[in-house]
Amino acid sequence: MDCARIFSSVEKRERIDMIYKVSDNIISALGFSSQENYQAVKAGKSQLQLYENVFGISEPFVASLLDNHKIDKEFATLSNIGEKYTKLEKTAILSASKALENSGIDPSNDNVLFIFSTTKGNVELLERNDRFESERIHLWRSAELIAQFFKNKNEPIVVSNACISGVAAQITAARYLIAKRYQYIVVIGAEVLSKFIVSGFQSFKALSSERCSPFDRNRTGLNLGEAAATVIYSVSDMDNLPPKSIIFENGAICNDANHISGPSRTGEGLFNAISKAMRHIDKENISFINAHGTATSYNDDMESMAIGRYGLENVPVNSLKAYFGHTLGAAGIVETIISMYALQENIILKSLGTEEAGVVYPITINREIMKSDKNAFLKLISGFGGSNAAMILKKNK
């Protein structure tokens, strides 16, 4: 068992240094800002659609795809050399640019680090590449180009650990900030779909032919989605913390190496991640759990076991997959940002697509928007290879 844990301060002294969110952005089919995406989710909107004959795939699939023309048009406002970048890189740069707007941060400064989360990068270039250098297939090269766009000279960090990448990237950012290595960390998650990705999930028989239904008794599988999301973190002592801040309280990564694609039946790895993330948190302070909730039979059952084993069965649980689809390396960042906005507004978002709960442990699936005055939420995520992660974020009153 490989467990990594991070605190908002050094454990053996009083908590003084606090990691807080400076800014954020989400680019998805629901909108090109965090507010657009959040309001769409609140309204119960989804951009999951049935696609046929896309990426040269004959079998139809349901997904949420970005508008390529809109991306190019938006990117042209930043640079006139859009042809230099792939779709993945353009969406990542766009998202980071929007998050940096009005933040007061100079991204070229030595005190800024870029962390890039993705699972597949430019994998489509393996099949056909007549425009870019061969190194473009490597994740480090995309990360390098993204950092260079902002004239940042620090070597960017790449986090690619299956579906937990976006949460693992935020935990990595917290480590660097607590170590006083940087003042600001720009965490970017991005994923675009391709024949390789879609056909891979089809080969697992994991994709649903309709909009996914997380935790539902009749769920039939997941949907995929494209997105880019950015969250910028910094560190401050409690006295100088900006008012109404969202604070990164704690996080843990536990890899149980259960199976190349299937999660542990008992949720062992996720249970351990929850246990470590929750070590200094009273259960009564948790407003909701934003789960991975892929709508696959194994994942949803496993999550219910882990949640129940820790005694959180009465805490409202939601999944955002029926709004965005599974955005892979961007998922942990997209879903964290949406949950941050809900926490600030004192609401719990509904788990779209869940009609009748049907998981092995009877947890509380939230099917309507609810009010809550509690000040923290628990973010869960799991992935191939038995990777699991959990984070606690709270609001500064």
Foldseek 3Di string as FASTA:
>chain_A
DDKDKDFQADPVDDRFKFKFWLFKAKDFLQDGGLVSLLVCLQVVAAQWDWDACPLNDHDIATETADDPVVLVVLLVVVDPVPLQDDPQLSQQLSGLVVRCPPSPDQLQDQQEAEEEFEAQQVVVVVVPDDRDDPCNRDPQVSSVVSSVSSNHPDRHHYFHDWQCRQVVSVSVVSVCQNVVVHFKYKYKYWDHDHPVVVVVCVVVQAGDRDQAAFQAQPGRHFYEFGMMMIIMMGMDTPVPDDAFTKTFGMKMKFFPLPAQFAADQQLVRQLVRCCSQCVPPDLVLAQAEAEQRRSGQRRRQSVLNSCVVVPNQEHEYAYCCSRGTRNIRRRSRSSVSSVSVCLSVQKDRAHPNHDHRDYPHRGHHHHHIGGHPRFKHKYWDAGGSRMIMITIMGTDD
